[in-house]
C-alpha atoms as a PDB file:
ATOM      1  CA  MET A   1     -17.716   5.726  20.112  1.00  0.00           C
ATOM      2  CA  PRO A   2     -15.495   7.050  17.308  1.00  0.00           C
ATOM      3  CA  PHE A   3     -14.111   4.550  14.840  1.00  0.00           C
ATOM      4  CA  ARG A   4     -10.664   4.440  13.318  1.00  0.00           C
ATOM      5  CA  PRO A   5      -8.890   1.878  11.124  1.00  0.00           C
ATOM      6  CA  ILE A   6      -6.274  -0.247  12.865  1.00  0.00           C
ATOM      7  CA  VAL A   7      -4.586  -1.868   9.914  1.00  0.00           C
ATOM      8  CA  ILE A   8      -5.162  -2.623   6.256  1.00  0.00           C
ATOM      9  CA  LEU A   9      -3.324  -5.510   4.629  1.00  0.00           C
ATOM     10  CA  ASN A  10      -3.879  -6.608   1.057  1.00  0.00           C
ATOM     11  CA  GLN A  11      -3.211 -10.107  -0.307  1.00  0.00           C
ATOM     12  CA  ARG A  12      -0.789 -11.689   2.119  1.00  0.00           C
ATOM     13  CA  PRO A  13       1.004 -14.839   0.881  1.00  0.00           C
ATOM     14  CA  LEU A  14      -1.119 -17.986   0.858  1.00  0.00           C
ATOM     15  CA  ASP A  15       1.675 -20.203   2.233  1.00  0.00           C
ATOM     16  CA  TRP A  16       2.069 -18.124   5.379  1.00  0.00           C
ATOM     17  CA  LYS A  17       2.022 -20.166   8.583  1.00  0.00           C
ATOM     18  CA  PRO A  18       2.607 -19.079  12.194  1.00  0.00           C
ATOM     19  CA  ASP A  19       5.891 -20.178  13.738  1.00  0.00           C
ATOM     20  CA  ALA A  20       7.555 -19.854  17.114  1.00  0.00           C
ATOM     21  CA  THR A  21       8.963 -16.406  16.394  1.00  0.00           C
ATOM     22  CA  SER A  22       5.567 -15.030  15.378  1.00  0.00           C
ATOM     23  CA  ILE A  23       3.905 -16.591  18.395  1.00  0.00           C
ATOM     24  CA  GLU A  24       6.567 -15.076  20.657  1.00  0.00           C
ATOM     25  CA  LEU A  25       5.939 -11.732  18.978  1.00  0.00           C
ATOM     26  CA  VAL A  26       2.259 -11.997  19.839  1.00  0.00           C
ATOM     27  CA  ARG A  27       3.064 -13.024  23.405  1.00  0.00           C
ATOM     28  CA  SER A  28       5.320 -10.014  23.911  1.00  0.00           C
ATOM     29  CA  MET A  29       2.711  -7.662  22.477  1.00  0.00           C
ATOM     30  CA  THR A  30      -0.012  -8.872  24.813  1.00  0.00           C
ATOM     31  CA  GLN A  31       2.049  -7.574  27.732  1.00  0.00           C
ATOM     32  CA  GLY A  32       0.950  -4.073  26.722  1.00  0.00           C
ATOM     33  CA  ARG A  33       4.353  -2.508  26.187  1.00  0.00           C
ATOM     34  CA  LYS A  34       4.611   0.839  24.432  1.00  0.00           C
ATOM     35  CA  ALA A  35       6.096   0.777  20.943  1.00  0.00           C
ATOM     36  CA  ARG A  36       9.670   2.046  21.066  1.00  0.00           C
ATOM     37  CA  THR A  37      12.389   2.436  18.459  1.00  0.00           C
ATOM     38  CA  SER A  38      14.706   0.065  20.316  1.00  0.00           C
ATOM     39  CA  GLY A  39      11.929  -2.512  20.383  1.00  0.00           C
ATOM     40  CA  HIS A  40      11.504  -2.167  16.637  1.00  0.00           C
ATOM     41  CA  THR A  41      15.190  -2.875  16.062  1.00  0.00           C
ATOM     42  CA  ALA A  42      14.973  -6.066  18.056  1.00  0.00           C
ATOM     43  CA  LEU A  43      11.766  -6.958  16.306  1.00  0.00           C
ATOM     44  CA  THR A  44      13.393  -6.616  12.896  1.00  0.00           C
ATOM     45  CA  ARG A  45      16.264  -8.853  13.919  1.00  0.00           C
ATOM     46  CA  GLY A  46      13.820 -11.434  15.263  1.00  0.00           C
ATOM     47  CA  MET A  47      12.062 -11.626  11.937  1.00  0.00           C
ATOM     48  CA  GLN A  48      15.232 -12.494  10.017  1.00  0.00           C
ATOM     49  CA  VAL A  49      14.912 -16.176  10.709  1.00  0.00           C
ATOM     50  CA  PRO A  50      14.950 -19.292   8.535  1.00  0.00           C
ATOM     51  CA  GLY A  51      11.690 -20.010   6.754  1.00  0.00           C
ATOM     52  CA  SER A  52       9.971 -19.818   3.433  1.00  0.00           C
ATOM     53  CA  PRO A  53      10.325 -16.522   1.521  1.00  0.00           C
ATOM     54  CA  ALA A  54       6.608 -15.917   2.065  1.00  0.00           C
ATOM     55  CA  LEU A  55       6.984 -16.412   5.812  1.00  0.00           C
ATOM     56  CA  VAL A  56       9.871 -13.981   6.070  1.00  0.00           C
ATOM     57  CA  ARG A  57       8.095 -11.486   3.850  1.00  0.00           C
ATOM     58  CA  ASP A  58       4.943 -11.649   5.936  1.00  0.00           C
ATOM     59  CA  LYS A  59       6.899 -11.084   9.101  1.00  0.00           C
ATOM     60  CA  LEU A  60       8.391  -7.981   7.547  1.00  0.00           C
ATOM     61  CA  ILE A  61       4.856  -6.809   6.730  1.00  0.00           C
ATOM     62  CA  LEU A  62       3.943  -7.275  10.416  1.00  0.00           C
ATOM     63  CA  HIS A  63       7.003  -5.303  11.429  1.00  0.00           C
ATOM     64  CA  GLN A  64       6.074  -2.491   9.059  1.00  0.00           C
ATOM     65  CA  ALA A  65       2.583  -2.404  10.538  1.00  0.00           C
ATOM     66  CA  VAL A  66       3.989  -2.111  14.054  1.00  0.00           C
ATOM     67  CA  SER A  67       6.338   0.650  12.905  1.00  0.00           C
ATOM     68  CA  ASN A  68       3.426   2.506  11.363  1.00  0.00           C
ATOM     69  CA  TYR A  69       1.549   2.235  14.650  1.00  0.00           C
ATOM     70  CA  GLN A  70       4.494   3.690  16.495  1.00  0.00           C
ATOM     71  CA  GLN A  71       4.334   6.755  14.274  1.00  0.00           C
ATOM     72  CA  MET A  72       0.602   7.014  14.976  1.00  0.00           C
ATOM     73  CA  GLY A  73       1.201   6.854  18.705  1.00  0.00           C
ATOM     74  CA  CYS A  74      -0.523   3.456  19.160  1.00  0.00           C
ATOM     75  CA  THR A  75       0.513   0.965  21.797  1.00  0.00           C
ATOM     76  CA  MET A  76       1.856  -2.494  21.174  1.00  0.00           C
ATOM     77  CA  ASN A  77      -1.285  -3.779  22.836  1.00  0.00           C
ATOM     78  CA  VAL A  78      -3.326  -2.340  19.978  1.00  0.00           C
ATOM     79  CA  CYS A  79      -0.939  -3.765  17.390  1.00  0.00           C
ATOM     80  CA  VAL A  80      -1.544  -7.289  18.683  1.00  0.00           C
ATOM     81  CA  LEU A  81      -5.016  -7.094  17.206  1.00  0.00           C
ATOM     82  CA  PHE A  82      -3.507  -7.122  13.726  1.00  0.00           C
ATOM     83  CA  VAL A  83      -1.008  -9.899  14.432  1.00  0.00           C
ATOM     84  CA  LEU A  84      -3.599 -12.165  16.006  1.00  0.00           C
ATOM     85  CA  THR A  85      -5.839 -11.629  13.011  1.00  0.00           C
ATOM     86  CA  CYS A  86      -3.069 -12.746  10.702  1.00  0.00           C
ATOM     87  CA  LEU A  87      -2.393 -15.822  12.807  1.00  0.00           C
ATOM     88  CA  THR A  88      -6.051 -16.771  13.051  1.00  0.00           C
ATOM     89  CA  PHE A  89      -7.605 -16.134   9.646  1.00  0.00           C
ATOM     90  CA  GLY A  90      -6.377 -18.477   6.957  1.00  0.00           C
ATOM     91  CA  GLN A  91      -7.884 -16.607   4.018  1.00  0.00           C
ATOM     92  CA  ALA A  92      -8.615 -12.939   3.723  1.00  0.00           C
ATOM     93  CA  VAL A  93      -8.020  -9.989   1.483  1.00  0.00           C
ATOM     94  CA  ILE A  94      -8.351  -7.119   3.886  1.00  0.00           C
ATOM     95  CA  PHE A  95      -8.289  -6.761   7.643  1.00  0.00           C
ATOM     96  CA  PHE A  96      -9.374  -3.726   9.590  1.00  0.00           C
ATOM     97  CA  ALA A  97     -10.849  -2.980  12.967  1.00  0.00           C
ATOM     98  CA  HIS A  98     -12.129  -0.128  15.106  1.00  0.00           C
ATOM     99  CA  THR A  99     -11.656   0.977  18.688  1.00  0.00           C
ATOM    100  CA  ASP A 100     -14.464  -1.220  19.926  1.00  0.00           C
ATOM    101  CA  PHE A 101     -12.227  -4.178  18.957  1.00  0.00           C
ATOM    102  CA  LYS A 102     -14.204  -5.707  16.144  1.00  0.00           C
ATOM    103  CA  VAL A 103     -12.344  -7.381  13.295  1.00  0.00           C
ATOM    104  CA  TYR A 104     -13.758  -7.478   9.774  1.00  0.00           C
ATOM    105  CA  TYR A 105     -12.737  -9.290   6.641  1.00  0.00           C
ATOM    106  CA  VAL A 106     -13.930  -9.412   3.066  1.00  0.00           C
ATOM    107  CA  SER A 107     -14.380 -12.578   1.026  1.00  0.00           C
ATOM    108  CA  ASP A 108     -11.579 -13.232  -1.387  1.00  0.00           C
ATOM    109  CA  PHE A 109     -13.646 -12.968  -4.557  1.00  0.00           C
ATOM    110  CA  ALA A 110     -17.172 -12.212  -5.776  1.00  0.00           C
ATOM    111  CA  ARG A 111     -19.430 -15.275  -5.869  1.00  0.00           C
ATOM    112  CA  PRO A 112     -23.140 -16.113  -5.993  1.00  0.00           C
ATOM    113  CA  PHE A 113     -24.449 -15.391  -2.505  1.00  0.00           C
ATOM    114  CA  ILE A 114     -25.974 -18.241  -0.484  1.00  0.00           C
ATOM    115  CA  LEU A 115     -26.654 -16.770   2.933  1.00  0.00           C
ATOM    116  CA  ARG A 116     -26.171 -19.845   5.086  1.00  0.00           C
ATOM    117  CA  LYS A 117     -22.987 -20.950   3.276  1.00  0.00           C
ATOM    118  CA  ALA A 118     -21.528 -17.456   3.516  1.00  0.00           C
ATOM    119  CA  ASN A 119     -22.294 -17.307   7.213  1.00  0.00           C
ATOM    120  CA  ASP A 120     -20.724 -20.746   7.684  1.00  0.00           C
ATOM    121  CA  GLU A 121     -17.578 -19.434   6.058  1.00  0.00           C
ATOM    122  CA  CYS A 122     -17.550 -16.498   8.472  1.00  0.00           C
ATOM    123  CA  ARG A 123     -18.010 -18.918  11.392  1.00  0.00           C
ATOM    124  CA  ARG A 124     -14.894 -20.805  10.305  1.00  0.00           C
ATOM    125  CA  TYR A 125     -12.985 -17.757  11.474  1.00  0.00           C
ATOM    126  CA  GLY A 126     -15.016 -17.235  14.621  1.00  0.00           C
ATOM    127  CA  GLY A 127     -17.268 -14.585  13.143  1.00  0.00           C
ATOM    128  CA  TYR A 128     -20.551 -14.008  11.307  1.00  0.00           C
ATOM    129  CA  LEU A 129     -21.874 -12.010   8.377  1.00  0.00           C
ATOM    130  CA  LEU A 130     -21.710  -8.270   8.926  1.00  0.00           C
ATOM    131  CA  GLU A 131     -24.419  -6.643  11.001  1.00  0.00           C
ATOM    132  CA  VAL A 132     -24.553  -2.852  10.933  1.00  0.00           C
ATOM    133  CA  ASN A 133     -25.417  -1.911  14.495  1.00  0.00           C
ATOM    134  CA  ASP A 134     -25.429   1.874  14.205  1.00  0.00           C
ATOM    135  CA  VAL A 135     -24.836   4.719  11.783  1.00  0.00           C
ATOM    136  CA  GLU A 136     -21.299   5.266  13.029  1.00  0.00           C
ATOM    137  CA  GLU A 137     -20.350   1.712  12.126  1.00  0.00           C
ATOM    138  CA  LEU A 138     -22.066   2.081   8.753  1.00  0.00           C
ATOM    139  CA  TYR A 139     -20.101   5.238   7.937  1.00  0.00           C
ATOM    140  CA  TYR A 140     -16.812   3.746   9.178  1.00  0.00           C
ATOM    141  CA  ILE A 141     -16.954   0.520   7.251  1.00  0.00           C
ATOM    142  CA  SER A 142     -18.252   2.284   4.131  1.00  0.00           C
ATOM    143  CA  GLN A 143     -15.283   4.654   4.206  1.00  0.00           C
ATOM    144  CA  VAL A 144     -12.730   1.842   4.385  1.00  0.00           C
ATOM    145  CA  LEU A 145     -14.421  -0.324   1.751  1.00  0.00           C
ATOM    146  CA  ASN A 146     -14.908   2.564  -0.626  1.00  0.00           C
ATOM    147  CA  LYS A 147     -11.205   3.326  -0.389  1.00  0.00           C
ATOM    148  CA  ASP A 148      -9.901  -0.188  -1.056  1.00  0.00           C
ATOM    149  CA  PHE A 149     -12.691  -1.689  -3.193  1.00  0.00           C
ATOM    150  CA  LYS A 150     -13.846   1.386  -5.073  1.00  0.00           C
ATOM    151  CA  GLY A 151     -16.995   0.745  -7.095  1.00  0.00           C
ATOM    152  CA  GLU A 152     -17.843  -2.568  -5.385  1.00  0.00           C
ATOM    153  CA  ASN A 153     -20.897  -3.357  -3.284  1.00  0.00           C
ATOM    154  CA  PHE A 154     -21.056  -6.110  -0.656  1.00  0.00           C
ATOM    155  CA  TYR A 155     -23.556  -8.557   0.735  1.00  0.00           C
ATOM    156  CA  ILE A 156     -24.165  -8.416   4.472  1.00  0.00           C
ATOM    157  CA  GLY A 157     -25.986 -10.809   6.824  1.00  0.00           C
ATOM    158  CA  ALA A 158     -29.635  -9.760   6.527  1.00  0.00           C
ATOM    159  CA  ASN A 159     -32.707 -10.894   4.600  1.00  0.00           C
ATOM    160  CA  ASP A 160     -36.533 -10.834   4.621  1.00  0.00           C
ATOM    161  CA  ILE A 161     -37.083 -14.428   3.553  1.00  0.00           C
ATOM    162  CA  LYS A 162     -39.164 -15.335   6.616  1.00  0.00           C
ATOM    163  CA  ASN A 163     -41.327 -12.225   6.554  1.00  0.00           C
ATOM    164  CA  GLU A 164     -41.483 -10.228   3.312  1.00  0.00           C
ATOM    165  CA  GLY A 165     -40.530  -6.611   3.900  1.00  0.00           C
ATOM    166  CA  THR A 166     -39.095  -7.189   7.364  1.00  0.00           C
ATOM    167  CA  PHE A 167     -35.337  -7.416   7.116  1.00  0.00           C
ATOM    168  CA  VAL A 168     -33.536  -9.021  10.052  1.00  0.00           C
ATOM    169  CA  TYR A 169     -29.942 -10.047  10.633  1.00  0.00           C
ATOM    170  CA  PHE A 170     -29.200 -13.722  10.177  1.00  0.00           C
ATOM    171  CA  ASN A 171     -27.001 -14.061  13.252  1.00  0.00           C
ATOM    172  CA  SER A 172     -28.762 -11.947  15.887  1.00  0.00           C
ATOM    173  CA  GLY A 173     -32.331 -11.772  14.549  1.00  0.00           C
ATOM    174  CA  GLU A 174     -32.304  -7.975  15.071  1.00  0.00           C
ATOM    175  CA  PRO A 175     -34.015  -5.719  12.505  1.00  0.00           C
ATOM    176  CA  ILE A 176     -32.065  -3.399  10.243  1.00  0.00           C
ATOM    177  CA  LEU A 177     -32.076   0.197  11.519  1.00  0.00           C
ATOM    178  CA  ALA A 178     -34.447   2.354   9.481  1.00  0.00           C
ATOM    179  CA  ASP A 179     -31.865   5.093   8.936  1.00  0.00           C
ATOM    180  CA  SER A 180     -29.388   2.629   7.393  1.00  0.00           C
ATOM    181  CA  TRP A 181     -31.354   2.283   4.162  1.00  0.00           C
ATOM    182  CA  ALA A 182     -30.654   4.140   0.938  1.00  0.00           C
ATOM    183  CA  TRP A 183     -33.337   6.521  -0.283  1.00  0.00           C
ATOM    184  CA  GLU A 184     -36.658   4.817  -1.095  1.00  0.00           C
ATOM    185  CA  ASN A 185     -35.342   1.429   0.033  1.00  0.00           C
ATOM    186  CA  PRO A 186     -36.181  -1.305   0.624  1.00  0.00           C
ATOM    187  CA  ASP A 187     -38.226  -1.382  -2.543  1.00  0.00           C
ATOM    188  CA  ASN A 188     -38.235  -5.097  -3.554  1.00  0.00           C
ATOM    189  CA  TRP A 189     -37.428  -4.244  -7.171  1.00  0.00           C
ATOM    190  CA  ASN A 190     -38.825  -6.927  -9.525  1.00  0.00           C
ATOM    191  CA  GLY A 191     -40.268  -8.711  -6.504  1.00  0.00           C
ATOM    192  CA  ASP A 192     -37.183 -10.787  -5.643  1.00  0.00           C
ATOM    193  CA  GLU A 193     -34.905  -8.619  -3.509  1.00  0.00           C
ATOM    194  CA  ASP A 194     -34.648 -10.709  -0.352  1.00  0.00           C
ATOM    195  CA  CYS A 195     -30.992 -10.069   0.538  1.00  0.00           C
ATOM    196  CA  VAL A 196     -29.149  -6.877   1.486  1.00  0.00           C
ATOM    197  CA  GLN A 197     -26.066  -5.195   0.007  1.00  0.00           C
ATOM    198  CA  LEU A 198     -23.918  -2.481   1.480  1.00  0.00           C
ATOM    199  CA  LEU A 199     -23.313   0.470  -0.850  1.00  0.00           C
ATOM    200  CA  PRO A 200     -20.050   1.987   0.449  1.00  0.00           C
ATOM    201  CA  TYR A 201     -20.111   4.983  -1.857  1.00  0.00           C
ATOM    202  CA  TRP A 202     -23.443   6.070  -0.393  1.00  0.00           C
ATOM    203  CA  ALA A 203     -22.842   4.649   3.116  1.00  0.00           C
ATOM    204  CA  ALA A 204     -26.260   3.012   2.908  1.00  0.00           C
ATOM    205  CA  LEU A 205     -28.007  -0.356   2.533  1.00  0.00           C
ATOM    206  CA  ASN A 206     -30.073  -1.597  -0.386  1.00  0.00           C
ATOM    207  CA  ASP A 207     -32.312  -4.665  -0.721  1.00  0.00           C
ATOM    208  CA  PHE A 208     -30.908  -6.826  -3.485  1.00  0.00           C
ATOM    209  CA  ALA A 209     -31.622 -10.114  -5.191  1.00  0.00           C
ATOM    210  CA  CYS A 210     -29.776 -13.079  -3.726  1.00  0.00           C
ATOM    211  CA  LEU A 211     -27.383 -15.209  -5.837  1.00  0.00           C
ATOM    212  CA  ASN A 212     -25.822 -12.223  -7.576  1.00  0.00           C
ATOM    213  CA  LYS A 213     -22.022 -12.252  -7.622  1.00  0.00           C
ATOM    214  CA  LEU A 214     -20.679  -9.966  -4.919  1.00  0.00           C
ATOM    215  CA  ARG A 215     -18.118 -10.172  -2.187  1.00  0.00           C
ATOM    216  CA  PHE A 216     -19.483 -10.410   1.354  1.00  0.00           C
ATOM    217  CA  VAL A 217     -18.248  -8.967   4.626  1.00  0.00           C
ATOM    218  CA  CYS A 218     -17.729 -10.863   7.887  1.00  0.00           C
ATOM    219  CA  GLU A 219     -17.126  -9.519  11.364  1.00  0.00           C
ATOM    220  CA  ARG A 220     -16.018 -10.967  14.668  1.00  0.00           C
ATOM    221  CA  ASP A 221     -15.584  -9.577  18.163  1.00  0.00           C
ATOM    222  CA  TYR A 222     -12.025  -9.361  19.372  1.00  0.00           C
ATOM    223  CA  GLU A 223     -11.678 -10.876  22.815  1.00  0.00           C
END
């Protein structure tokens, strides 16, 4: 299945909270209406409501995202994916999704990686550490990350702690696909590379020492 980004949002205000207007916006979107110019006008008026400056600003961001979708020919039913993400996730730097309705987010800053704690943080938002299920997903997510976090690499949810040299995903227990690895990897450099990092520039995976300071990527299924 081809992948395409749904929305990218950087650094939304920390004091954003859902309110009745936003919830009503979500409810109207879930009815599957097509995005129309007249609907956008009403949507803009609906966002001009009392609230903190951050709340009003964030609603305008949502409106702009919907307007962008209209230009791309998307339906309001697709746009709801973005809005629900904003209402659900309390802390995130970037949101994006593909046509199979997965939602991803990136940790807010680089930190020493502790697999279980990172996965627990993902679970707070109904997800789990990233698992690359096929080459298409690997290329898609690498493309988006390389664009918005150029030069950064990211931890994902796999390790070989239980069985040296056999890397499996923490959440599903499935092995990493052989064609996901970078050239001559995994190589267990210096004998302590038990975790896995995504290299967006190369669209490949690399075994890497745990506890280095990197961001990590979470994913969740959209239902």
